Amino acid sequence: MTLASWDLGRWTVSCRVSGQGAPVVLLHSGPGSAADWRGVFERFAAGYRLVAVNGFGQGQTSDWPAGEVQVDQYVGMVSRLIGELGEPVHLVGHSYGGAVALRMVSTSPKLVRSLAVVEPQAYPLLTDNDPQLFAEVTEVADAFASAVDEGRVEDAWRGFIDHYNGSGSWGALPEPVQQRMLKISDVAVRSWMALFTNPITTGGLSQIGVPTLVVQGGQTTRPERRLCEIITDRVPGARQVVVEGAGHMVPLTHPAATAEALETHLRSLSADPAPSERG
């Protein structure tokens, strides 16, 4: 795995890159970084160029633009990066990155050959399908942002990490990991805010025209489980894989199962033409 960066004019984006072949672009969770995909990279088959993107404020990637944050700002950056890669990509997104990937397929379908989302936090889909669960996730987001604003950053992260991974999960993290998260608290708040600006709709899911895989942890939270159900039901031809024993952070806790699911998905597309070739 090597480090690489692209000057996109408005932004600089840094990535972790591995292998040669068909490009696979991977987007990490909100508080994560490109390094979250390390375990998946180590277990991935040859024949693919894996490009794990550092989101805004991570690695050497530019900070979030000043002013109001919008998920489409991140979509725009990733779209520019794919343009630099020179061909349609297999797009993979986890959590926040999954929500970005779903939106990008809707706005720039010719850039995407296939889609794989791992527990995508496309929370606006819950507003019509399960408003009670939407209220639950907005409460978690508001509590995190309020705690950071009040200077209680460790309380913010403890509530966030324990919500998604079970009680005591924050305390079980190695201190260097805790310290890294504490340092990106403001970035994490902006990422949370951007999640709720995603214009993706249930109706829009039915317009996704690329082969799609949905990966869910068997022990995940109710909102994430419901989102995986909605996306699998509404995206034409979507397949779902459940990783038993996994929670929300599937690529980190179960990298071998994640790599296997992605490889199986990609192998099944070997004879499928790219979107531009389909016209």
Protein backbone atom coordinates (compact mmCIF):
# COMPACT_ATOMS: atom_id res chain seq x y z
CA MET A 1 0.00 0.00 0.00
CA THR A 2 1.39 3.39 -0.99
CA LEU A 3 0.31 6.99 -0.37
CA ALA A 4 -0.73 9.15 -3.30
CA SER A 5 -2.35 12.53 -3.76
CA TRP A 6 -4.11 14.37 -6.55
CA ASP A 7 -4.36 18.12 -7.06
CA LEU A 8 -7.95 18.67 -8.15
CA GLY A 9 -7.69 22.44 -8.33
CA ARG A 10 -10.24 23.31 -5.69
CA TRP A 11 -9.12 20.45 -3.47
CA THR A 12 -6.18 18.20 -2.78
CA VAL A 13 -7.17 14.61 -2.06
CA SER A 14 -4.88 12.01 -0.51
CA CYS A 15 -5.39 8.26 -0.90
CA ARG A 16 -3.91 4.88 -0.06
CA VAL A 17 -3.33 2.90 -3.23
CA SER A 18 -2.56 -0.77 -3.82
CA GLY A 19 -2.41 -3.14 -6.80
CA GLN A 20 -2.91 -2.82 -10.54
CA GLY A 21 -5.95 -3.37 -12.73
CA ALA A 22 -9.56 -2.21 -12.76
CA PRO A 23 -9.94 0.75 -10.36
CA VAL A 24 -11.89 0.24 -7.13
CA VAL A 25 -12.50 3.45 -5.16
CA LEU A 26 -13.26 3.00 -1.45
CA LEU A 27 -14.83 5.62 0.84
CA HIS A 28 -14.48 5.34 4.62
CA SER A 29 -16.84 6.08 7.52
CA GLY A 30 -17.30 9.58 8.96
CA PRO A 31 -14.73 9.38 11.80
CA GLY A 32 -12.48 7.01 9.85
CA SER A 33 -9.76 7.42 7.26
CA ALA A 34 -8.36 5.62 4.23
CA ALA A 35 -6.38 3.44 6.65
CA ASP A 36 -9.67 1.79 7.68
CA TRP A 37 -9.40 -0.31 4.51
CA ARG A 38 -5.93 -1.69 5.31
CA GLY A 39 -7.21 -5.10 6.44
CA VAL A 40 -9.38 -5.40 3.33
CA PHE A 41 -6.44 -4.42 1.09
CA GLU A 42 -4.25 -7.11 2.64
CA ARG A 43 -6.80 -9.81 1.79
CA PHE A 44 -7.86 -8.62 -1.66
CA ALA A 45 -7.13 -10.63 -4.79
CA ALA A 46 -4.78 -9.38 -7.51
CA GLY A 47 -6.15 -7.70 -10.61
CA TYR A 48 -7.56 -4.51 -9.08
CA ARG A 49 -6.20 -1.05 -8.38
CA LEU A 50 -7.54 -0.23 -4.92
CA VAL A 51 -7.82 3.50 -4.17
CA ALA A 52 -8.95 4.32 -0.61
CA VAL A 53 -9.84 8.00 -0.34
CA ASN A 54 -9.18 10.20 2.68
CA GLY A 55 -12.27 12.36 3.16
CA PHE A 56 -12.26 16.06 3.95
CA GLY A 57 -9.90 16.86 6.84
CA GLN A 58 -8.32 13.38 6.87
CA GLY A 59 -4.73 12.61 5.93
CA GLN A 60 -3.49 15.28 3.54
CA THR A 61 -6.93 15.89 2.01
CA SER A 62 -8.27 19.45 2.09
CA ASP A 63 -10.55 20.48 4.94
CA TRP A 64 -14.30 20.82 4.48
CA PRO A 65 -15.07 23.97 2.47
CA ALA A 66 -15.90 27.01 4.57
CA GLY A 67 -19.55 27.71 5.30
CA GLU A 68 -22.47 25.32 5.18
CA VAL A 69 -21.55 21.68 4.63
CA GLN A 70 -23.32 19.56 2.03
CA VAL A 71 -22.83 15.92 1.13
CA ASP A 72 -22.63 16.99 -2.52
CA GLN A 73 -19.34 18.77 -1.76
CA TYR A 74 -17.79 15.40 -0.99
CA VAL A 75 -19.54 13.85 -4.00
CA GLY A 76 -17.98 16.55 -6.16
CA MET A 77 -14.49 15.85 -4.85
CA VAL A 78 -14.78 12.10 -5.43
CA SER A 79 -16.21 12.67 -8.91
CA ARG A 80 -13.21 14.83 -9.80
CA LEU A 81 -10.85 12.17 -8.48
CA ILE A 82 -12.51 9.45 -10.59
CA GLY A 83 -12.15 11.72 -13.60
CA GLU A 84 -8.41 11.75 -12.94
CA LEU A 85 -8.33 7.94 -12.83
CA GLY A 86 -9.51 7.93 -16.42
CA GLU A 87 -12.23 5.28 -16.47
CA PRO A 88 -15.43 4.23 -14.65
CA VAL A 89 -14.73 2.65 -11.28
CA HIS A 90 -16.16 0.07 -8.96
CA LEU A 91 -17.32 2.29 -6.09
CA VAL A 92 -17.34 1.02 -2.48
CA GLY A 93 -18.52 2.99 0.53
CA HIS A 94 -18.82 2.21 4.23
CA SER A 95 -21.18 4.04 6.59
CA TYR A 96 -20.89 7.77 5.74
CA GLY A 97 -18.89 6.77 2.66
CA GLY A 98 -21.74 4.48 1.64
CA ALA A 99 -24.20 7.37 1.76
CA VAL A 100 -21.82 9.43 -0.39
CA ALA A 101 -21.50 6.53 -2.86
CA LEU A 102 -25.27 6.18 -3.19
CA ARG A 103 -25.64 9.86 -3.92
CA MET A 104 -22.78 9.81 -6.42
CA VAL A 105 -24.31 6.97 -8.44
CA SER A 106 -27.44 9.12 -8.74
CA THR A 107 -25.57 12.25 -9.88
CA SER A 108 -22.72 10.77 -11.96
CA PRO A 109 -23.77 7.30 -13.14
CA LYS A 110 -21.29 7.24 -16.05
CA LEU A 111 -18.40 7.37 -13.58
CA VAL A 112 -19.49 4.21 -11.77
CA ARG A 113 -19.22 0.66 -13.12
CA SER A 114 -20.65 -1.02 -10.01
CA LEU A 115 -21.61 -0.11 -6.45
CA ALA A 116 -21.02 -1.80 -3.10
CA VAL A 117 -22.25 -0.18 0.11
CA VAL A 118 -21.43 -1.41 3.60
CA GLU A 119 -24.08 -0.23 6.09
CA PRO A 120 -24.60 3.09 4.27
CA GLN A 121 -25.84 5.89 6.52
CA ALA A 122 -28.28 7.37 4.00
CA TYR A 123 -30.41 8.53 6.91
CA PRO A 124 -32.83 10.75 4.92
CA LEU A 125 -34.27 7.52 3.50
CA LEU A 126 -35.73 6.87 6.95
CA THR A 127 -37.84 10.01 6.98
CA ASP A 128 -40.57 8.36 4.90
CA ASN A 129 -39.84 4.69 5.64
CA ASP A 130 -39.33 4.74 9.42
CA PRO A 131 -39.55 8.20 11.05
CA GLN A 132 -39.09 6.76 14.54
CA LEU A 133 -35.66 5.42 13.58
CA PHE A 134 -34.84 8.72 11.90
CA ALA A 135 -35.60 10.48 15.19
CA GLU A 136 -33.28 8.01 16.95
CA VAL A 137 -30.30 8.77 14.73
CA THR A 138 -30.86 12.53 14.81
CA GLU A 139 -30.83 12.33 18.61
CA VAL A 140 -27.44 10.57 18.51
CA ALA A 141 -26.08 13.15 16.06
CA ASP A 142 -27.37 16.11 18.08
CA ALA A 143 -25.93 14.68 21.31
CA PHE A 144 -22.52 14.27 19.68
CA ALA A 145 -22.50 17.79 18.24
CA SER A 146 -23.69 19.34 21.52
CA ALA A 147 -21.05 17.55 23.56
CA VAL A 148 -18.28 18.67 21.19
CA ASP A 149 -19.60 22.24 21.24
CA GLU A 150 -19.53 22.19 25.06
CA GLY A 151 -15.96 20.88 25.11
CA ARG A 152 -16.94 17.40 26.34
CA VAL A 153 -15.26 15.70 23.39
CA GLU A 154 -14.51 12.44 25.16
CA ASP A 155 -18.13 12.16 26.29
CA ALA A 156 -19.17 12.81 22.68
CA TRP A 157 -17.03 9.99 21.34
CA ARG A 158 -17.96 7.57 24.13
CA GLY A 159 -21.65 8.03 23.33
CA PHE A 160 -21.05 7.71 19.59
CA ILE A 161 -18.75 4.68 19.64
CA ASP A 162 -20.77 2.82 22.27
CA HIS A 163 -24.01 3.45 20.36
CA TYR A 164 -22.70 1.80 17.20
CA ASN A 165 -20.50 -0.88 18.73
CA GLY A 166 -21.92 -1.69 22.16
CA SER A 167 -21.39 -0.43 25.70
CA GLY A 168 -17.73 -0.19 26.69
CA SER A 169 -16.45 -0.05 23.09
CA TRP A 170 -14.91 3.40 23.50
CA GLY A 171 -12.99 2.35 26.59
CA ALA A 172 -11.72 -0.76 24.79
CA LEU A 173 -10.11 1.25 21.98
CA PRO A 174 -6.32 1.64 22.10
CA GLU A 175 -5.32 5.06 23.40
CA PRO A 176 -3.69 6.13 20.08
CA VAL A 177 -7.01 5.46 18.32
CA GLN A 178 -8.90 7.45 20.93
CA GLN A 179 -6.47 10.35 20.59
CA ARG A 180 -6.80 10.39 16.80
CA MET A 181 -10.58 10.57 17.09
CA LEU A 182 -10.47 13.31 19.69
CA LYS A 183 -8.33 15.41 17.34
CA ILE A 184 -10.86 15.17 14.48
CA SER A 185 -13.95 15.99 16.53
CA ASP A 186 -14.78 19.10 14.51
CA VAL A 187 -14.37 17.18 11.23
CA ALA A 188 -16.68 14.47 12.58
CA VAL A 189 -19.36 17.02 13.49
CA ARG A 190 -19.28 18.46 9.97
CA SER A 191 -19.52 14.96 8.50
CA TRP A 192 -22.55 14.26 10.69
CA MET A 193 -24.16 17.50 9.49
CA ALA A 194 -23.50 16.59 5.87
CA LEU A 195 -25.19 13.20 6.26
CA PHE A 196 -28.55 14.85 6.79
CA THR A 197 -28.23 16.96 3.63
CA ASN A 198 -28.19 13.91 1.34
CA PRO A 199 -30.93 14.43 -1.30
CA ILE A 200 -31.22 10.66 -1.95
CA THR A 201 -34.83 9.45 -1.95
CA THR A 202 -36.53 6.07 -1.95
CA GLY A 203 -37.77 6.78 -5.44
CA GLY A 204 -34.27 7.66 -6.55
CA LEU A 205 -33.01 4.24 -5.49
CA SER A 206 -35.14 2.64 -8.20
CA GLN A 207 -33.22 4.67 -10.81
CA ILE A 208 -29.82 3.21 -9.89
CA GLY A 209 -28.76 1.25 -12.94
CA VAL A 210 -25.44 -0.34 -11.91
CA PRO A 211 -24.92 -3.74 -10.25
CA THR A 212 -25.23 -3.16 -6.51
CA LEU A 213 -24.12 -5.06 -3.42
CA VAL A 214 -25.33 -4.25 0.11
CA VAL A 215 -23.23 -5.55 3.02
CA GLN A 216 -24.73 -5.61 6.52
CA GLY A 217 -23.38 -6.66 9.89
CA GLY A 218 -25.49 -9.33 11.55
CA GLN A 219 -25.29 -7.54 14.92
CA THR A 220 -25.76 -3.98 13.69
CA THR A 221 -28.10 -1.29 15.04
CA ARG A 222 -31.77 -1.02 14.05
CA PRO A 223 -31.43 2.08 11.80
CA GLU A 224 -28.54 0.55 9.84
CA ARG A 225 -30.39 -2.74 9.44
CA ARG A 226 -33.48 -0.93 8.18
CA LEU A 227 -31.46 1.13 5.71
CA CYS A 228 -29.88 -2.01 4.28
CA GLU A 229 -33.35 -3.50 3.86
CA ILE A 230 -34.69 -0.39 2.09
CA ILE A 231 -31.75 -0.18 -0.31
CA THR A 232 -31.77 -3.90 -1.11
CA ASP A 233 -35.53 -3.80 -1.75
CA ARG A 234 -35.56 -0.67 -3.91
CA VAL A 235 -32.37 -0.81 -6.00
CA PRO A 236 -33.09 -3.02 -9.03
CA GLY A 237 -31.24 -6.33 -8.81
CA ALA A 238 -29.39 -5.44 -5.61
CA ARG A 239 -27.85 -8.34 -3.67
CA GLN A 240 -27.32 -8.41 0.09
CA VAL A 241 -24.65 -10.13 2.15
CA VAL A 242 -24.94 -10.35 5.96
CA VAL A 243 -21.67 -10.77 7.85
CA GLU A 244 -22.62 -12.77 10.91
CA GLY A 245 -21.24 -11.55 14.22
CA ALA A 246 -20.34 -8.12 12.82
CA GLY A 247 -21.60 -4.76 13.99
CA HIS A 248 -21.47 -1.49 12.11
CA MET A 249 -17.70 -1.35 11.60
CA VAL A 250 -17.60 -4.39 9.31
CA PRO A 251 -14.47 -3.51 7.26
CA LEU A 252 -12.39 -3.07 10.43
CA THR A 253 -13.72 -5.94 12.53
CA HIS A 254 -14.26 -8.46 9.69
CA PRO A 255 -11.87 -7.49 6.87
CA ALA A 256 -11.60 -11.03 5.47
CA ALA A 257 -15.39 -11.38 5.13
CA THR A 258 -15.60 -7.86 3.65
CA ALA A 259 -12.90 -8.60 1.08
CA GLU A 260 -14.56 -11.89 0.15
CA ALA A 261 -17.96 -10.22 -0.35
CA LEU A 262 -16.43 -7.49 -2.51
CA GLU A 263 -14.36 -9.91 -4.59
CA THR A 264 -17.38 -12.15 -5.23
CA HIS A 265 -19.35 -9.07 -6.29
CA LEU A 266 -16.61 -7.93 -8.67
CA ARG A 267 -15.96 -11.36 -10.17
CA SER A 268 -19.65 -11.62 -11.04
CA LEU A 269 -19.28 -8.47 -13.17
CA SER A 270 -16.33 -9.56 -15.26
CA ALA A 271 -18.44 -9.90 -18.38
CA ASP A 272 -20.60 -6.84 -17.69
CA PRO A 273 -19.86 -3.78 -19.90
CA ALA A 274 -19.02 -0.44 -18.31
CA PRO A 275 -21.88 2.14 -18.16
CA SER A 276 -20.38 4.19 -21.01
CA GLU A 277 -20.33 1.07 -23.20
CA ARG A 278 -23.97 0.34 -22.43
CA GLY A 279 -24.91 3.77 -23.74
